[in-house]
């Protein structure tokens, strides 16, 4: 357990540019009181972003996720999270860095208007 927590803390300190950009996209909802965690341990996994009250996990996928092995690992991870009641939403690094308005629109569809 301690190793997973230490690993999550290290990931929080060393966020990718896409993870930093996504965290900024969440800002309006966080300001409204929707609690999000970065690099949150859930079972044997550390997820990129989690809103436990909404049972929503968001993963930001880089290149390693698009190999056969990466897809298989993600499928197993997603199944585990869904079995525990979480909805899993995935964006690529490119989605977040180059299509942030589209990502924001998807979040707005799931989370509602941020200023409501």
N, C-alpha and C. Protein backbone atom coordinates (compact mmCIF):
# COMPACT_ATOMS: atom_id res chain seq x y z
N UNK A 1 0.83 -1.20 0.00
CA UNK A 1 0.00 0.00 0.00
C UNK A 1 0.86 1.25 0.00
N UNK A 2 1.88 1.29 0.83
CA UNK A 2 2.75 2.46 0.90
C UNK A 2 3.45 2.71 -0.43
N UNK A 3 3.85 1.63 -1.10
CA UNK A 3 4.52 1.79 -2.38
C UNK A 3 3.61 2.44 -3.41
N UNK A 4 2.32 2.05 -3.41
CA UNK A 4 1.37 2.62 -4.35
C UNK A 4 1.14 4.10 -4.05
N UNK A 5 1.06 4.44 -2.78
CA UNK A 5 0.87 5.83 -2.39
C UNK A 5 2.09 6.66 -2.76
N UNK A 6 3.28 6.13 -2.51
CA UNK A 6 4.51 6.84 -2.90
C UNK A 6 4.58 6.99 -4.41
N UNK A 7 4.18 5.96 -5.13
CA UNK A 7 4.16 6.02 -6.58
C UNK A 7 3.19 7.10 -7.06
N UNK A 8 2.00 7.16 -6.47
CA UNK A 8 1.01 8.18 -6.83
C UNK A 8 1.54 9.58 -6.54
N UNK A 9 2.20 9.75 -5.42
CA UNK A 9 2.78 11.07 -5.09
C UNK A 9 3.83 11.48 -6.10
N UNK A 10 4.66 10.53 -6.51
CA UNK A 10 5.69 10.83 -7.51
C UNK A 10 5.04 11.21 -8.84
N UNK A 11 3.99 10.51 -9.22
CA UNK A 11 3.29 10.85 -10.46
C UNK A 11 2.67 12.24 -10.40
N UNK A 12 2.15 12.63 -9.23
CA UNK A 12 1.58 13.98 -9.08
C UNK A 12 2.65 15.05 -9.27
N UNK A 13 3.84 14.77 -8.77
CA UNK A 13 4.94 15.74 -8.90
C UNK A 13 5.45 15.82 -10.33
N UNK A 14 5.30 14.73 -11.09
CA UNK A 14 5.90 14.65 -12.43
C UNK A 14 4.82 14.53 -13.50
N UNK A 15 3.77 15.35 -13.40
CA UNK A 15 2.69 15.28 -14.38
C UNK A 15 3.18 15.58 -15.78
N UNK A 16 2.55 14.93 -16.74
CA UNK A 16 2.85 15.21 -18.15
C UNK A 16 2.19 16.53 -18.53
N UNK A 17 2.63 17.15 -19.63
CA UNK A 17 1.96 18.37 -20.09
C UNK A 17 0.46 18.17 -20.31
N UNK A 18 0.06 17.02 -20.84
CA UNK A 18 -1.37 16.76 -21.07
C UNK A 18 -2.12 16.66 -19.74
N UNK A 19 -1.52 16.04 -18.74
CA UNK A 19 -2.17 15.94 -17.42
C UNK A 19 -2.31 17.32 -16.79
N UNK A 20 -1.28 18.16 -16.92
CA UNK A 20 -1.38 19.53 -16.38
C UNK A 20 -2.48 20.30 -17.10
N UNK A 21 -2.57 20.14 -18.42
CA UNK A 21 -3.60 20.84 -19.19
C UNK A 21 -5.00 20.34 -18.81
N UNK A 22 -5.15 19.03 -18.59
CA UNK A 22 -6.45 18.51 -18.20
C UNK A 22 -6.85 19.02 -16.83
N UNK A 23 -5.91 19.07 -15.90
CA UNK A 23 -6.18 19.58 -14.55
C UNK A 23 -6.69 21.02 -14.64
N UNK A 24 -6.11 21.80 -15.55
CA UNK A 24 -6.57 23.17 -15.74
C UNK A 24 -7.99 23.20 -16.32
N UNK A 25 -8.31 22.26 -17.21
CA UNK A 25 -9.67 22.20 -17.75
C UNK A 25 -10.70 21.90 -16.66
N UNK A 26 -10.30 21.15 -15.65
CA UNK A 26 -11.22 20.81 -14.56
C UNK A 26 -11.44 21.96 -13.58
N UNK A 27 -10.63 22.99 -13.68
CA UNK A 27 -10.65 24.09 -12.71
C UNK A 27 -12.04 24.66 -12.43
N UNK A 28 -12.86 24.96 -13.45
CA UNK A 28 -14.16 25.56 -13.13
C UNK A 28 -15.05 24.66 -12.26
N UNK A 29 -14.99 23.37 -12.47
CA UNK A 29 -15.79 22.46 -11.64
C UNK A 29 -15.19 22.32 -10.25
N UNK A 30 -13.86 22.31 -10.18
CA UNK A 30 -13.21 22.23 -8.87
C UNK A 30 -13.56 23.47 -8.05
N UNK A 31 -13.60 24.63 -8.71
CA UNK A 31 -13.97 25.88 -8.02
C UNK A 31 -15.40 25.80 -7.49
N UNK A 32 -16.25 25.07 -8.20
CA UNK A 32 -17.65 24.92 -7.81
C UNK A 32 -17.82 23.89 -6.70
N UNK A 33 -16.74 23.21 -6.34
CA UNK A 33 -16.81 22.27 -5.22
C UNK A 33 -16.84 20.81 -5.62
N UNK A 34 -16.69 20.50 -6.92
CA UNK A 34 -16.61 19.11 -7.34
C UNK A 34 -15.18 18.65 -7.07
N UNK A 35 -15.04 17.68 -6.17
CA UNK A 35 -13.71 17.25 -5.72
C UNK A 35 -13.10 16.24 -6.69
N UNK A 36 -11.93 16.57 -7.20
CA UNK A 36 -11.17 15.68 -8.09
C UNK A 36 -9.84 15.37 -7.43
N UNK A 37 -9.37 14.16 -7.67
CA UNK A 37 -8.04 13.77 -7.21
C UNK A 37 -7.18 13.44 -8.42
N UNK A 38 -5.93 13.81 -8.34
CA UNK A 38 -4.94 13.47 -9.38
C UNK A 38 -4.18 12.25 -8.91
N UNK A 39 -3.88 11.35 -9.84
CA UNK A 39 -3.07 10.17 -9.54
C UNK A 39 -3.58 9.50 -8.26
N UNK A 40 -4.81 9.03 -8.34
CA UNK A 40 -5.49 8.46 -7.18
C UNK A 40 -5.40 6.93 -7.19
N UNK A 41 -4.93 6.33 -6.10
CA UNK A 41 -4.93 4.87 -6.01
C UNK A 41 -6.35 4.32 -5.90
N UNK A 42 -6.67 3.34 -6.73
CA UNK A 42 -7.92 2.60 -6.64
C UNK A 42 -7.54 1.13 -6.83
N UNK A 43 -7.68 0.35 -5.78
CA UNK A 43 -7.26 -1.05 -5.85
C UNK A 43 -5.79 -1.12 -6.22
N UNK A 44 -5.45 -1.98 -7.18
CA UNK A 44 -4.04 -2.14 -7.55
C UNK A 44 -3.56 -1.07 -8.54
N UNK A 45 -4.42 -0.14 -8.92
CA UNK A 45 -4.11 0.84 -9.95
C UNK A 45 -3.98 2.25 -9.39
N UNK A 46 -3.30 3.09 -10.14
CA UNK A 46 -3.27 4.53 -9.86
C UNK A 46 -3.86 5.18 -11.10
N UNK A 47 -5.04 5.79 -10.95
CA UNK A 47 -5.72 6.41 -12.08
C UNK A 47 -5.29 7.87 -12.21
N UNK A 48 -5.36 8.40 -13.42
CA UNK A 48 -4.90 9.77 -13.65
C UNK A 48 -5.75 10.79 -12.88
N UNK A 49 -7.07 10.70 -13.04
CA UNK A 49 -7.99 11.64 -12.38
C UNK A 49 -9.22 10.88 -11.91
N UNK A 50 -9.72 11.25 -10.74
CA UNK A 50 -10.88 10.55 -10.19
C UNK A 50 -11.76 11.53 -9.44
N UNK A 51 -13.06 11.44 -9.71
CA UNK A 51 -14.06 12.13 -8.92
C UNK A 51 -14.89 11.03 -8.27
N UNK A 52 -14.59 10.74 -7.02
CA UNK A 52 -15.24 9.61 -6.34
C UNK A 52 -16.73 9.86 -6.15
N UNK A 53 -17.14 11.09 -5.91
CA UNK A 53 -18.57 11.37 -5.70
C UNK A 53 -19.38 11.10 -6.96
N UNK A 54 -18.78 11.28 -8.13
CA UNK A 54 -19.46 11.01 -9.39
C UNK A 54 -19.12 9.63 -9.94
N UNK A 55 -18.22 8.91 -9.24
CA UNK A 55 -17.76 7.58 -9.70
C UNK A 55 -17.23 7.68 -11.13
N UNK A 56 -16.39 8.69 -11.37
CA UNK A 56 -15.84 8.94 -12.70
C UNK A 56 -14.32 8.94 -12.64
N UNK A 57 -13.72 8.17 -13.53
CA UNK A 57 -12.27 8.13 -13.70
C UNK A 57 -11.96 8.66 -15.09
N UNK A 58 -10.97 9.53 -15.18
CA UNK A 58 -10.51 10.02 -16.48
C UNK A 58 -9.05 9.64 -16.63
N UNK A 59 -8.76 9.00 -17.73
CA UNK A 59 -7.39 8.60 -18.05
C UNK A 59 -6.92 9.40 -19.25
N UNK A 60 -5.69 9.88 -19.17
CA UNK A 60 -5.05 10.60 -20.27
C UNK A 60 -3.98 9.68 -20.83
N UNK A 61 -4.21 9.20 -22.04
CA UNK A 61 -3.37 8.15 -22.61
C UNK A 61 -2.31 8.68 -23.55
N UNK A 62 -1.07 8.28 -23.28
CA UNK A 62 0.05 8.58 -24.15
C UNK A 62 0.34 7.42 -25.07
N UNK A 63 1.46 7.48 -25.77
CA UNK A 63 1.81 6.49 -26.79
C UNK A 63 1.83 5.05 -26.28
N UNK A 64 2.24 4.82 -25.05
CA UNK A 64 2.36 3.45 -24.55
C UNK A 64 1.03 2.72 -24.49
N UNK A 65 -0.06 3.45 -24.55
CA UNK A 65 -1.38 2.84 -24.47
C UNK A 65 -1.85 2.26 -25.80
N UNK A 66 -1.13 2.53 -26.87
CA UNK A 66 -1.61 2.16 -28.20
C UNK A 66 -0.91 0.94 -28.79
N UNK A 67 -0.09 0.28 -28.00
CA UNK A 67 0.47 -1.00 -28.43
C UNK A 67 -0.53 -2.09 -28.08
N UNK A 68 -0.34 -3.29 -28.62
CA UNK A 68 -1.24 -4.40 -28.28
C UNK A 68 -1.24 -4.66 -26.78
N UNK A 69 -0.06 -4.65 -26.18
CA UNK A 69 0.04 -4.89 -24.74
C UNK A 69 -0.62 -3.76 -23.95
N UNK A 70 -0.45 -2.53 -24.41
CA UNK A 70 -1.06 -1.38 -23.73
C UNK A 70 -2.58 -1.43 -23.79
N UNK A 71 -3.13 -1.80 -24.93
CA UNK A 71 -4.58 -1.92 -25.07
C UNK A 71 -5.11 -3.01 -24.14
N UNK A 72 -4.42 -4.12 -24.08
CA UNK A 72 -4.83 -5.21 -23.20
C UNK A 72 -4.80 -4.78 -21.73
N UNK A 73 -3.71 -4.12 -21.33
CA UNK A 73 -3.61 -3.62 -19.94
C UNK A 73 -4.76 -2.66 -19.64
N UNK A 74 -5.04 -1.74 -20.57
CA UNK A 74 -6.12 -0.78 -20.36
C UNK A 74 -7.48 -1.47 -20.27
N UNK A 75 -7.70 -2.51 -21.08
CA UNK A 75 -8.97 -3.24 -21.02
C UNK A 75 -9.17 -3.91 -19.66
N UNK A 76 -8.12 -4.51 -19.14
CA UNK A 76 -8.19 -5.16 -17.82
C UNK A 76 -8.44 -4.11 -16.74
N UNK A 77 -7.73 -3.02 -16.80
CA UNK A 77 -7.86 -1.93 -15.83
C UNK A 77 -9.28 -1.34 -15.87
N UNK A 78 -9.78 -1.08 -17.08
CA UNK A 78 -11.12 -0.52 -17.24
C UNK A 78 -12.17 -1.47 -16.69
N UNK A 79 -12.03 -2.76 -16.97
CA UNK A 79 -12.97 -3.75 -16.45
C UNK A 79 -12.97 -3.74 -14.92
N UNK A 80 -11.80 -3.67 -14.32
CA UNK A 80 -11.68 -3.63 -12.86
C UNK A 80 -12.42 -2.41 -12.30
N UNK A 81 -12.18 -1.25 -12.91
CA UNK A 81 -12.80 -0.02 -12.42
C UNK A 81 -14.31 -0.05 -12.61
N UNK A 82 -14.77 -0.55 -13.74
CA UNK A 82 -16.21 -0.63 -13.99
C UNK A 82 -16.89 -1.60 -13.02
N UNK A 83 -16.21 -2.67 -12.69
CA UNK A 83 -16.77 -3.62 -11.71
C UNK A 83 -16.97 -2.96 -10.35
N UNK A 84 -16.23 -1.91 -10.10
CA UNK A 84 -16.36 -1.18 -8.84
C UNK A 84 -17.25 0.05 -8.98
N UNK A 85 -17.96 0.14 -10.11
CA UNK A 85 -18.96 1.20 -10.27
C UNK A 85 -18.48 2.48 -10.91
N UNK A 86 -17.24 2.52 -11.36
CA UNK A 86 -16.72 3.73 -11.98
C UNK A 86 -17.01 3.76 -13.47
N UNK A 87 -17.33 4.94 -13.97
CA UNK A 87 -17.34 5.17 -15.41
C UNK A 87 -15.92 5.59 -15.77
N UNK A 88 -15.40 5.09 -16.87
CA UNK A 88 -14.03 5.40 -17.28
C UNK A 88 -14.08 6.16 -18.59
N UNK A 89 -13.49 7.33 -18.58
CA UNK A 89 -13.42 8.18 -19.76
C UNK A 89 -11.95 8.32 -20.14
N UNK A 90 -11.65 8.15 -21.42
CA UNK A 90 -10.26 8.22 -21.88
C UNK A 90 -10.11 9.31 -22.92
N UNK A 91 -9.03 10.07 -22.77
CA UNK A 91 -8.60 11.04 -23.77
C UNK A 91 -7.15 10.74 -24.10
N UNK A 92 -6.74 11.06 -25.29
CA UNK A 92 -5.32 10.95 -25.63
C UNK A 92 -4.62 12.26 -25.26
N UNK A 93 -3.30 12.19 -25.18
CA UNK A 93 -2.53 13.41 -24.97
C UNK A 93 -2.86 14.44 -26.04
N UNK A 94 -2.98 13.97 -27.28
CA UNK A 94 -3.28 14.88 -28.41
C UNK A 94 -4.65 15.53 -28.22
N UNK A 95 -5.64 14.75 -27.78
CA UNK A 95 -6.97 15.33 -27.52
C UNK A 95 -6.86 16.52 -26.58
N UNK A 96 -6.17 16.31 -25.48
CA UNK A 96 -6.10 17.33 -24.43
C UNK A 96 -5.26 18.53 -24.89
N UNK A 97 -4.16 18.27 -25.56
CA UNK A 97 -3.24 19.35 -25.93
C UNK A 97 -3.66 20.11 -27.19
N UNK A 98 -4.37 19.43 -28.09
CA UNK A 98 -4.69 20.08 -29.37
C UNK A 98 -6.18 20.30 -29.58
N UNK A 99 -7.02 19.66 -28.79
CA UNK A 99 -8.47 19.81 -28.95
C UNK A 99 -9.12 20.05 -27.59
N UNK A 100 -8.53 20.96 -26.83
CA UNK A 100 -9.01 21.17 -25.46
C UNK A 100 -10.46 21.66 -25.41
N UNK A 101 -10.92 22.39 -26.43
CA UNK A 101 -12.32 22.83 -26.44
C UNK A 101 -13.26 21.63 -26.57
N UNK A 102 -12.87 20.66 -27.39
CA UNK A 102 -13.67 19.44 -27.52
C UNK A 102 -13.71 18.65 -26.23
N UNK A 103 -12.58 18.55 -25.57
CA UNK A 103 -12.51 17.86 -24.27
C UNK A 103 -13.38 18.60 -23.26
N UNK A 104 -13.30 19.92 -23.25
CA UNK A 104 -14.11 20.72 -22.33
C UNK A 104 -15.60 20.49 -22.60
N UNK A 105 -15.98 20.41 -23.87
CA UNK A 105 -17.40 20.17 -24.22
C UNK A 105 -17.86 18.81 -23.72
N UNK A 106 -17.01 17.79 -23.83
CA UNK A 106 -17.36 16.46 -23.32
C UNK A 106 -17.52 16.51 -21.80
N UNK A 107 -16.61 17.20 -21.13
CA UNK A 107 -16.73 17.35 -19.67
C UNK A 107 -18.02 18.08 -19.30
N UNK A 108 -18.33 19.12 -20.04
CA UNK A 108 -19.56 19.88 -19.76
C UNK A 108 -20.79 18.97 -19.93
N UNK A 109 -20.76 18.09 -20.94
CA UNK A 109 -21.87 17.15 -21.13
C UNK A 109 -22.02 16.18 -19.97
N UNK A 110 -20.90 15.77 -19.37
CA UNK A 110 -20.93 14.84 -18.24
C UNK A 110 -21.16 15.52 -16.89
N UNK A 111 -20.53 16.67 -16.72
CA UNK A 111 -20.51 17.32 -15.41
C UNK A 111 -21.48 18.47 -15.27
N UNK A 112 -22.08 18.90 -16.39
CA UNK A 112 -22.95 20.06 -16.37
C UNK A 112 -22.15 21.33 -16.58
N UNK A 113 -22.86 22.42 -16.68
CA UNK A 113 -22.21 23.72 -16.86
C UNK A 113 -21.36 24.03 -15.63
N UNK A 114 -20.12 24.45 -15.86
CA UNK A 114 -19.24 24.68 -14.70
C UNK A 114 -19.65 25.86 -13.85
N UNK A 115 -20.40 26.79 -14.41
CA UNK A 115 -20.76 27.99 -13.63
C UNK A 115 -22.20 27.94 -13.13
N UNK A 116 -22.82 26.77 -13.20
CA UNK A 116 -24.23 26.65 -12.76
C UNK A 116 -24.33 26.55 -11.26
